[in-house]
Amino acid sequence: MGKQKTVWPTDREIRLRFILFAVIDAASVQGVSADVLLPAHKLLRESPTEAQLLEALGGILDADEMYGFRLPPGSEAEELMHTLRKPEH
């Protein structure tokens, strides 16, 4: 039997996890439905891909209750999300 290699998350994935956690916290205060928040919270307990993290963030930020929500301007979280939203050519 061979050893299974551990796959560690990238720095970007770790940052996205922290951002998702903060957005879940803010969304719960804003009254976003548990139907939206619970799958995202469960995702944090797993080994999500960057795409899954971004999808969960998008789902929460698209909720009506999150209209106008912005990450703190100039913060690392805001800069990372801005970078990820840029279309790649």
C-alpha atoms as a PDB file:
ATOM      1  CA  MET A   1       0.000   0.000   0.000  1.00  0.00           C
ATOM      2  CA  GLY A   2       1.335   3.381  -1.003  1.00  0.00           C
ATOM      3  CA  LYS A   3       0.966   6.550   0.946  1.00  0.00           C
ATOM      4  CA  GLN A   4      -1.628   8.991  -0.278  1.00  0.00           C
ATOM      5  CA  LYS A   5      -0.196  12.436  -0.948  1.00  0.00           C
ATOM      6  CA  THR A   6      -1.787  15.260   1.018  1.00  0.00           C
ATOM      7  CA  VAL A   7      -2.956  18.110  -1.190  1.00  0.00           C
ATOM      8  CA  TRP A   8      -2.684  21.425   0.634  1.00  0.00           C
ATOM      9  CA  PRO A   9      -4.820  24.415  -0.332  1.00  0.00           C
ATOM     10  CA  THR A  10      -3.143  27.299  -2.115  1.00  0.00           C
ATOM     11  CA  ASP A  11      -2.747  30.706  -0.463  1.00  0.00           C
ATOM     12  CA  ARG A  12      -5.543  32.021  -2.662  1.00  0.00           C
ATOM     13  CA  GLU A  13      -7.887  29.218  -1.563  1.00  0.00           C
ATOM     14  CA  ILE A  14      -7.072  29.921   2.080  1.00  0.00           C
ATOM     15  CA  ARG A  15      -7.809  33.618   1.596  1.00  0.00           C
ATOM     16  CA  LEU A  16     -11.064  32.787  -0.182  1.00  0.00           C
ATOM     17  CA  ARG A  17     -12.079  30.567   2.741  1.00  0.00           C
ATOM     18  CA  PHE A  18     -11.574  33.454   5.160  1.00  0.00           C
ATOM     19  CA  ILE A  19     -13.495  35.799   2.863  1.00  0.00           C
ATOM     20  CA  LEU A  20     -16.328  33.279   2.569  1.00  0.00           C
ATOM     21  CA  PHE A  21     -16.442  32.916   6.350  1.00  0.00           C
ATOM     22  CA  ALA A  22     -16.654  36.700   6.775  1.00  0.00           C
ATOM     23  CA  VAL A  23     -19.329  37.014   4.081  1.00  0.00           C
ATOM     24  CA  ILE A  24     -21.375  34.215   5.695  1.00  0.00           C
ATOM     25  CA  ASP A  25     -21.166  36.071   9.011  1.00  0.00           C
ATOM     26  CA  ALA A  26     -22.245  39.369   7.447  1.00  0.00           C
ATOM     27  CA  ALA A  27     -25.021  37.660   5.477  1.00  0.00           C
ATOM     28  CA  SER A  28     -26.438  36.016   8.589  1.00  0.00           C
ATOM     29  CA  VAL A  29     -26.686  39.454  10.224  1.00  0.00           C
ATOM     30  CA  GLN A  30     -28.399  40.818   7.092  1.00  0.00           C
ATOM     31  CA  GLY A  31     -30.980  38.019   7.219  1.00  0.00           C
ATOM     32  CA  VAL A  32     -29.918  35.938   4.225  1.00  0.00           C
ATOM     33  CA  SER A  33     -31.826  32.642   4.101  1.00  0.00           C
ATOM     34  CA  ALA A  34     -30.316  29.589   5.779  1.00  0.00           C
ATOM     35  CA  ASP A  35     -30.933  27.746   2.482  1.00  0.00           C
ATOM     36  CA  VAL A  36     -28.175  29.893   0.983  1.00  0.00           C
ATOM     37  CA  LEU A  37     -25.833  30.018   3.964  1.00  0.00           C
ATOM     38  CA  LEU A  38     -25.804  26.387   5.112  1.00  0.00           C
ATOM     39  CA  PRO A  39     -24.323  24.907   1.908  1.00  0.00           C
ATOM     40  CA  ALA A  40     -21.633  27.604   1.936  1.00  0.00           C
ATOM     41  CA  HIS A  41     -20.858  26.910   5.593  1.00  0.00           C
ATOM     42  CA  LYS A  42     -20.688  23.169   4.898  1.00  0.00           C
ATOM     43  CA  LEU A  43     -18.274  23.882   2.062  1.00  0.00           C
ATOM     44  CA  LEU A  44     -15.832  25.392   4.563  1.00  0.00           C
ATOM     45  CA  ARG A  45     -15.611  22.019   6.330  1.00  0.00           C
ATOM     46  CA  GLU A  46     -14.604  20.242   3.133  1.00  0.00           C
ATOM     47  CA  SER A  47     -11.716  20.715   0.716  1.00  0.00           C
ATOM     48  CA  PRO A  48     -13.348  23.068  -1.793  1.00  0.00           C
ATOM     49  CA  THR A  49     -11.798  24.174  -5.032  1.00  0.00           C
ATOM     50  CA  GLU A  50     -11.354  27.832  -5.884  1.00  0.00           C
ATOM     51  CA  ALA A  51     -14.300  27.580  -8.278  1.00  0.00           C
ATOM     52  CA  GLN A  52     -16.555  26.164  -5.541  1.00  0.00           C
ATOM     53  CA  LEU A  53     -15.529  28.944  -3.148  1.00  0.00           C
ATOM     54  CA  LEU A  54     -16.235  31.612  -5.762  1.00  0.00           C
ATOM     55  CA  GLU A  55     -19.593  30.045  -6.595  1.00  0.00           C
ATOM     56  CA  ALA A  56     -20.580  30.025  -2.918  1.00  0.00           C
ATOM     57  CA  LEU A  57     -19.481  33.652  -2.519  1.00  0.00           C
ATOM     58  CA  GLY A  58     -21.423  34.632  -5.614  1.00  0.00           C
ATOM     59  CA  GLY A  59     -24.540  32.879  -4.370  1.00  0.00           C
ATOM     60  CA  ILE A  60     -24.468  34.761  -1.089  1.00  0.00           C
ATOM     61  CA  LEU A  61     -23.572  38.138  -2.596  1.00  0.00           C
ATOM     62  CA  ASP A  62     -26.412  37.758  -5.138  1.00  0.00           C
ATOM     63  CA  ALA A  63     -29.011  37.514  -2.350  1.00  0.00           C
ATOM     64  CA  ASP A  64     -31.349  40.514  -2.167  1.00  0.00           C
ATOM     65  CA  GLU A  65     -30.391  41.093   1.470  1.00  0.00           C
ATOM     66  CA  MET A  66     -26.756  41.630   0.426  1.00  0.00           C
ATOM     67  CA  TYR A  67     -27.573  44.429  -2.022  1.00  0.00           C
ATOM     68  CA  GLY A  68     -25.012  47.169  -1.482  1.00  0.00           C
ATOM     69  CA  PHE A  69     -22.659  44.985   0.571  1.00  0.00           C
ATOM     70  CA  ARG A  70     -19.036  45.755  -0.110  1.00  0.00           C
ATOM     71  CA  LEU A  71     -15.832  44.462   1.374  1.00  0.00           C
ATOM     72  CA  PRO A  72     -13.790  47.206   3.044  1.00  0.00           C
ATOM     73  CA  PRO A  73     -12.213  49.362   0.288  1.00  0.00           C
ATOM     74  CA  GLY A  74      -8.480  48.848   0.013  1.00  0.00           C
ATOM     75  CA  SER A  75      -8.559  45.637   2.041  1.00  0.00           C
ATOM     76  CA  GLU A  76      -6.754  42.544   0.846  1.00  0.00           C
ATOM     77  CA  ALA A  77     -10.126  40.779   0.587  1.00  0.00           C
ATOM     78  CA  GLU A  78     -11.568  43.513  -1.643  1.00  0.00           C
ATOM     79  CA  GLU A  79      -8.468  43.525  -3.850  1.00  0.00           C
ATOM     80  CA  LEU A  80      -8.515  39.731  -4.205  1.00  0.00           C
ATOM     81  CA  MET A  81     -12.203  39.665  -5.133  1.00  0.00           C
ATOM     82  CA  HIS A  82     -11.654  42.487  -7.638  1.00  0.00           C
ATOM     83  CA  THR A  83      -8.756  40.565  -9.204  1.00  0.00           C
ATOM     84  CA  LEU A  84     -10.822  37.388  -9.452  1.00  0.00           C
ATOM     85  CA  ARG A  85     -13.736  39.200 -11.114  1.00  0.00           C
ATOM     86  CA  LYS A  86     -11.571  40.573 -13.951  1.00  0.00           C
ATOM     87  CA  PRO A  87     -12.348  38.762 -17.196  1.00  0.00           C
ATOM     88  CA  GLU A  88      -9.358  36.874 -18.573  1.00  0.00           C
ATOM     89  CA  HIS A  89      -8.465  37.459 -22.213  1.00  0.00           C
END
